[in-house]
Amino acid sequence: MTQGQKMEKVALNRKQLCAGIQFLEGPCYSYLKKIDIDPDGEESKAIVLVLSVFFEQMTKQIWQRLNDDDKVTVPLKVPDLNEEEE
């Protein structure tokens, strides 16, 4: 955590938590296209498979363990938008 960042706690319900996890899938796959891995190669296919299973299992576990009314408190690092990027 950098000097200007604040740490907050956010309470999420089951749907919000699962939606957040599923939201991350798109950027992960886009990032794979940007790094130096052959998109049609075996390494890329293996990474995509692992990520797909990971996101699917995370969502499934949360859905099974939480009820609709349950809340999970998660830490949130709020970035300091005034801080210059390196």
N, C-alpha and C. Protein backbone atom coordinates (compact mmCIF):
# COMPACT_ATOMS: atom_id res chain seq x y z
N MET A 1 0.85 -1.17 0.00
CA MET A 1 0.00 0.00 0.00
C MET A 1 0.90 1.23 0.00
N THR A 2 0.56 2.21 -0.83
CA THR A 2 1.36 3.41 -0.90
C THR A 2 0.91 4.40 0.16
N GLN A 3 1.67 5.45 0.32
CA GLN A 3 1.42 6.41 1.39
C GLN A 3 0.03 7.07 1.29
N GLY A 4 -0.42 7.39 0.09
CA GLY A 4 -1.69 8.09 -0.07
C GLY A 4 -2.92 7.19 -0.11
N GLN A 5 -2.72 5.89 -0.15
CA GLN A 5 -3.85 4.98 -0.23
C GLN A 5 -4.56 4.87 1.11
N LYS A 6 -5.88 4.70 1.03
CA LYS A 6 -6.67 4.45 2.22
C LYS A 6 -7.18 3.02 2.16
N MET A 7 -7.37 2.43 3.31
CA MET A 7 -7.91 1.08 3.37
C MET A 7 -9.31 1.17 3.95
N GLU A 8 -10.25 0.59 3.24
CA GLU A 8 -11.64 0.55 3.70
C GLU A 8 -12.11 -0.89 3.72
N LYS A 9 -13.23 -1.12 4.36
CA LYS A 9 -13.86 -2.43 4.33
C LYS A 9 -15.22 -2.28 3.69
N VAL A 10 -15.54 -3.21 2.79
CA VAL A 10 -16.79 -3.16 2.06
C VAL A 10 -17.54 -4.46 2.29
N ALA A 11 -18.82 -4.38 2.60
CA ALA A 11 -19.66 -5.57 2.79
C ALA A 11 -20.36 -5.88 1.47
N LEU A 12 -20.15 -7.10 0.98
CA LEU A 12 -20.76 -7.53 -0.27
C LEU A 12 -21.66 -8.74 -0.03
N ASN A 13 -22.76 -8.80 -0.77
CA ASN A 13 -23.59 -9.99 -0.68
C ASN A 13 -23.10 -11.01 -1.71
N ARG A 14 -23.73 -12.13 -1.76
CA ARG A 14 -23.30 -13.23 -2.62
C ARG A 14 -23.26 -12.82 -4.10
N LYS A 15 -24.30 -12.18 -4.57
CA LYS A 15 -24.34 -11.78 -5.98
C LYS A 15 -23.27 -10.76 -6.31
N GLN A 16 -23.05 -9.80 -5.44
CA GLN A 16 -22.04 -8.77 -5.68
C GLN A 16 -20.63 -9.38 -5.72
N LEU A 17 -20.37 -10.29 -4.80
CA LEU A 17 -19.05 -10.92 -4.74
C LEU A 17 -18.80 -11.76 -5.99
N CYS A 18 -19.78 -12.55 -6.40
CA CYS A 18 -19.64 -13.38 -7.60
C CYS A 18 -19.52 -12.52 -8.86
N ALA A 19 -20.28 -11.44 -8.92
CA ALA A 19 -20.20 -10.54 -10.08
C ALA A 19 -18.82 -9.91 -10.17
N GLY A 20 -18.25 -9.55 -9.03
CA GLY A 20 -16.90 -8.99 -9.02
C GLY A 20 -15.86 -9.97 -9.53
N ILE A 21 -15.98 -11.22 -9.14
CA ILE A 21 -15.06 -12.25 -9.60
C ILE A 21 -15.21 -12.47 -11.10
N GLN A 22 -16.44 -12.57 -11.55
CA GLN A 22 -16.68 -12.80 -12.97
C GLN A 22 -16.26 -11.59 -13.80
N PHE A 23 -16.37 -10.40 -13.25
CA PHE A 23 -15.94 -9.18 -13.93
C PHE A 23 -14.45 -9.22 -14.24
N LEU A 24 -13.68 -9.86 -13.37
CA LEU A 24 -12.22 -9.93 -13.55
C LEU A 24 -11.80 -10.83 -14.70
N GLU A 25 -12.67 -11.73 -15.12
CA GLU A 25 -12.31 -12.65 -16.20
C GLU A 25 -11.91 -11.93 -17.49
N GLY A 26 -12.69 -10.96 -17.91
CA GLY A 26 -12.42 -10.25 -19.16
C GLY A 26 -11.04 -9.61 -19.20
N PRO A 27 -10.69 -8.79 -18.21
CA PRO A 27 -9.36 -8.18 -18.23
C PRO A 27 -8.22 -9.20 -18.17
N CYS A 28 -8.43 -10.31 -17.48
CA CYS A 28 -7.38 -11.33 -17.41
C CYS A 28 -7.08 -11.89 -18.79
N TYR A 29 -8.12 -12.21 -19.53
CA TYR A 29 -7.92 -12.78 -20.86
C TYR A 29 -7.34 -11.73 -21.81
N SER A 30 -7.76 -10.48 -21.67
CA SER A 30 -7.20 -9.41 -22.50
C SER A 30 -5.72 -9.22 -22.21
N TYR A 31 -5.35 -9.33 -20.94
CA TYR A 31 -3.95 -9.17 -20.55
C TYR A 31 -3.09 -10.27 -21.17
N LEU A 32 -3.61 -11.48 -21.24
CA LEU A 32 -2.85 -12.58 -21.83
C LEU A 32 -2.49 -12.28 -23.29
N LYS A 33 -3.36 -11.56 -23.97
CA LYS A 33 -3.08 -11.22 -25.35
C LYS A 33 -1.94 -10.21 -25.46
N LYS A 34 -1.74 -9.41 -24.42
CA LYS A 34 -0.72 -8.36 -24.45
C LYS A 34 0.67 -8.85 -24.06
N ILE A 35 0.74 -9.92 -23.29
CA ILE A 35 2.05 -10.41 -22.88
C ILE A 35 2.62 -11.32 -23.96
N ASP A 36 3.85 -11.60 -23.86
CA ASP A 36 4.56 -12.30 -24.93
C ASP A 36 4.33 -13.81 -24.89
N ILE A 37 3.08 -14.20 -25.12
CA ILE A 37 2.73 -15.62 -25.19
C ILE A 37 1.94 -15.82 -26.47
N ASP A 38 2.28 -16.82 -27.21
CA ASP A 38 1.56 -17.14 -28.45
C ASP A 38 0.11 -17.43 -28.10
N PRO A 39 -0.86 -16.60 -28.59
CA PRO A 39 -2.25 -16.79 -28.21
C PRO A 39 -2.83 -18.13 -28.64
N ASP A 40 -2.24 -18.74 -29.65
CA ASP A 40 -2.74 -20.04 -30.10
C ASP A 40 -1.88 -21.20 -29.61
N GLY A 41 -0.86 -20.88 -28.81
CA GLY A 41 0.06 -21.91 -28.33
C GLY A 41 -0.48 -22.69 -27.15
N GLU A 42 0.19 -23.78 -26.83
CA GLU A 42 -0.22 -24.65 -25.73
C GLU A 42 -0.15 -23.94 -24.38
N GLU A 43 0.88 -23.11 -24.20
CA GLU A 43 1.03 -22.40 -22.91
C GLU A 43 -0.16 -21.47 -22.68
N SER A 44 -0.56 -20.75 -23.71
CA SER A 44 -1.70 -19.84 -23.60
C SER A 44 -2.98 -20.61 -23.31
N LYS A 45 -3.19 -21.70 -24.00
CA LYS A 45 -4.39 -22.52 -23.77
C LYS A 45 -4.42 -23.06 -22.35
N ALA A 46 -3.27 -23.45 -21.84
CA ALA A 46 -3.20 -23.97 -20.47
C ALA A 46 -3.52 -22.88 -19.46
N ILE A 47 -2.99 -21.69 -19.67
CA ILE A 47 -3.26 -20.57 -18.75
C ILE A 47 -4.74 -20.22 -18.76
N VAL A 48 -5.33 -20.14 -19.94
CA VAL A 48 -6.75 -19.82 -20.05
C VAL A 48 -7.60 -20.89 -19.37
N LEU A 49 -7.23 -22.13 -19.53
CA LEU A 49 -7.98 -23.22 -18.88
C LEU A 49 -7.90 -23.10 -17.36
N VAL A 50 -6.71 -22.86 -16.85
CA VAL A 50 -6.54 -22.72 -15.40
C VAL A 50 -7.35 -21.54 -14.87
N LEU A 51 -7.28 -20.40 -15.55
CA LEU A 51 -8.05 -19.24 -15.12
C LEU A 51 -9.55 -19.50 -15.18
N SER A 52 -10.01 -20.13 -16.24
CA SER A 52 -11.43 -20.44 -16.37
C SER A 52 -11.92 -21.30 -15.22
N VAL A 53 -11.17 -22.33 -14.91
CA VAL A 53 -11.54 -23.23 -13.81
C VAL A 53 -11.50 -22.48 -12.48
N PHE A 54 -10.48 -21.66 -12.29
CA PHE A 54 -10.35 -20.89 -11.05
C PHE A 54 -11.56 -19.99 -10.83
N PHE A 55 -11.91 -19.18 -11.84
CA PHE A 55 -13.04 -18.27 -11.69
C PHE A 55 -14.35 -19.04 -11.50
N GLU A 56 -14.51 -20.11 -12.23
CA GLU A 56 -15.73 -20.91 -12.11
C GLU A 56 -15.85 -21.53 -10.71
N GLN A 57 -14.76 -22.08 -10.21
CA GLN A 57 -14.78 -22.71 -8.89
C GLN A 57 -14.96 -21.69 -7.77
N MET A 58 -14.34 -20.54 -7.91
CA MET A 58 -14.52 -19.48 -6.90
C MET A 58 -16.00 -19.09 -6.82
N THR A 59 -16.61 -18.86 -7.97
CA THR A 59 -18.02 -18.48 -8.01
C THR A 59 -18.89 -19.57 -7.42
N LYS A 60 -18.60 -20.81 -7.79
CA LYS A 60 -19.40 -21.94 -7.30
C LYS A 60 -19.29 -22.09 -5.78
N GLN A 61 -18.07 -21.97 -5.26
CA GLN A 61 -17.87 -22.10 -3.81
C GLN A 61 -18.60 -21.00 -3.04
N ILE A 62 -18.51 -19.79 -3.52
CA ILE A 62 -19.21 -18.67 -2.86
C ILE A 62 -20.71 -18.91 -2.90
N TRP A 63 -21.21 -19.31 -4.07
CA TRP A 63 -22.65 -19.52 -4.23
C TRP A 63 -23.15 -20.63 -3.29
N GLN A 64 -22.34 -21.67 -3.10
CA GLN A 64 -22.74 -22.77 -2.25
C GLN A 64 -22.66 -22.42 -0.76
N ARG A 65 -21.71 -21.62 -0.38
CA ARG A 65 -21.47 -21.37 1.04
C ARG A 65 -22.23 -20.18 1.60
N LEU A 66 -22.65 -19.27 0.75
CA LEU A 66 -23.35 -18.09 1.24
C LEU A 66 -24.82 -18.15 0.86
N ASN A 67 -25.65 -17.58 1.71
CA ASN A 67 -27.05 -17.41 1.41
C ASN A 67 -27.25 -16.02 0.80
N ASP A 68 -28.42 -15.77 0.26
CA ASP A 68 -28.69 -14.47 -0.36
C ASP A 68 -28.48 -13.30 0.59
N ASP A 69 -28.82 -13.50 1.86
CA ASP A 69 -28.73 -12.40 2.83
C ASP A 69 -27.37 -12.28 3.51
N ASP A 70 -26.49 -13.25 3.31
CA ASP A 70 -25.17 -13.20 3.93
C ASP A 70 -24.33 -12.06 3.34
N LYS A 71 -23.47 -11.51 4.18
CA LYS A 71 -22.55 -10.46 3.74
C LYS A 71 -21.13 -10.90 4.06
N VAL A 72 -20.22 -10.56 3.16
CA VAL A 72 -18.80 -10.83 3.37
C VAL A 72 -18.09 -9.48 3.34
N THR A 73 -17.28 -9.23 4.34
CA THR A 73 -16.54 -7.98 4.39
C THR A 73 -15.17 -8.20 3.75
N VAL A 74 -14.88 -7.38 2.76
CA VAL A 74 -13.62 -7.52 2.03
C VAL A 74 -12.85 -6.20 2.13
N PRO A 75 -11.51 -6.30 2.17
CA PRO A 75 -10.71 -5.07 2.20
C PRO A 75 -10.69 -4.41 0.83
N LEU A 76 -10.65 -3.11 0.83
CA LEU A 76 -10.60 -2.34 -0.41
C LEU A 76 -9.53 -1.28 -0.27
N LYS A 77 -8.53 -1.33 -1.14
CA LYS A 77 -7.51 -0.29 -1.18
C LYS A 77 -8.02 0.81 -2.11
N VAL A 78 -8.22 1.99 -1.55
CA VAL A 78 -8.68 3.12 -2.34
C VAL A 78 -7.44 3.87 -2.81
N PRO A 79 -7.23 3.93 -4.12
CA PRO A 79 -6.01 4.56 -4.61
C PRO A 79 -6.02 6.06 -4.41
N ASP A 80 -4.83 6.61 -4.24
CA ASP A 80 -4.66 8.05 -4.16
C ASP A 80 -4.50 8.54 -5.60
N LEU A 81 -5.52 9.15 -6.15
CA LEU A 81 -5.49 9.59 -7.53
C LEU A 81 -4.58 10.80 -7.75
N ASN A 82 -4.14 11.44 -6.67
CA ASN A 82 -3.24 12.58 -6.78
C ASN A 82 -1.77 12.14 -6.84
N GLU A 83 -1.54 10.87 -6.49
CA GLU A 83 -0.17 10.36 -6.46
C GLU A 83 0.28 10.04 -7.89
N GLU A 84 1.50 10.45 -8.23
CA GLU A 84 2.04 10.20 -9.57
C GLU A 84 2.41 8.75 -9.72
N GLU A 85 2.12 8.21 -10.91
CA GLU A 85 2.49 6.83 -11.20
C GLU A 85 3.97 6.75 -11.54
N GLU A 86 4.56 5.60 -11.20
CA GLU A 86 5.98 5.42 -11.48
C GLU A 86 6.17 4.91 -12.87
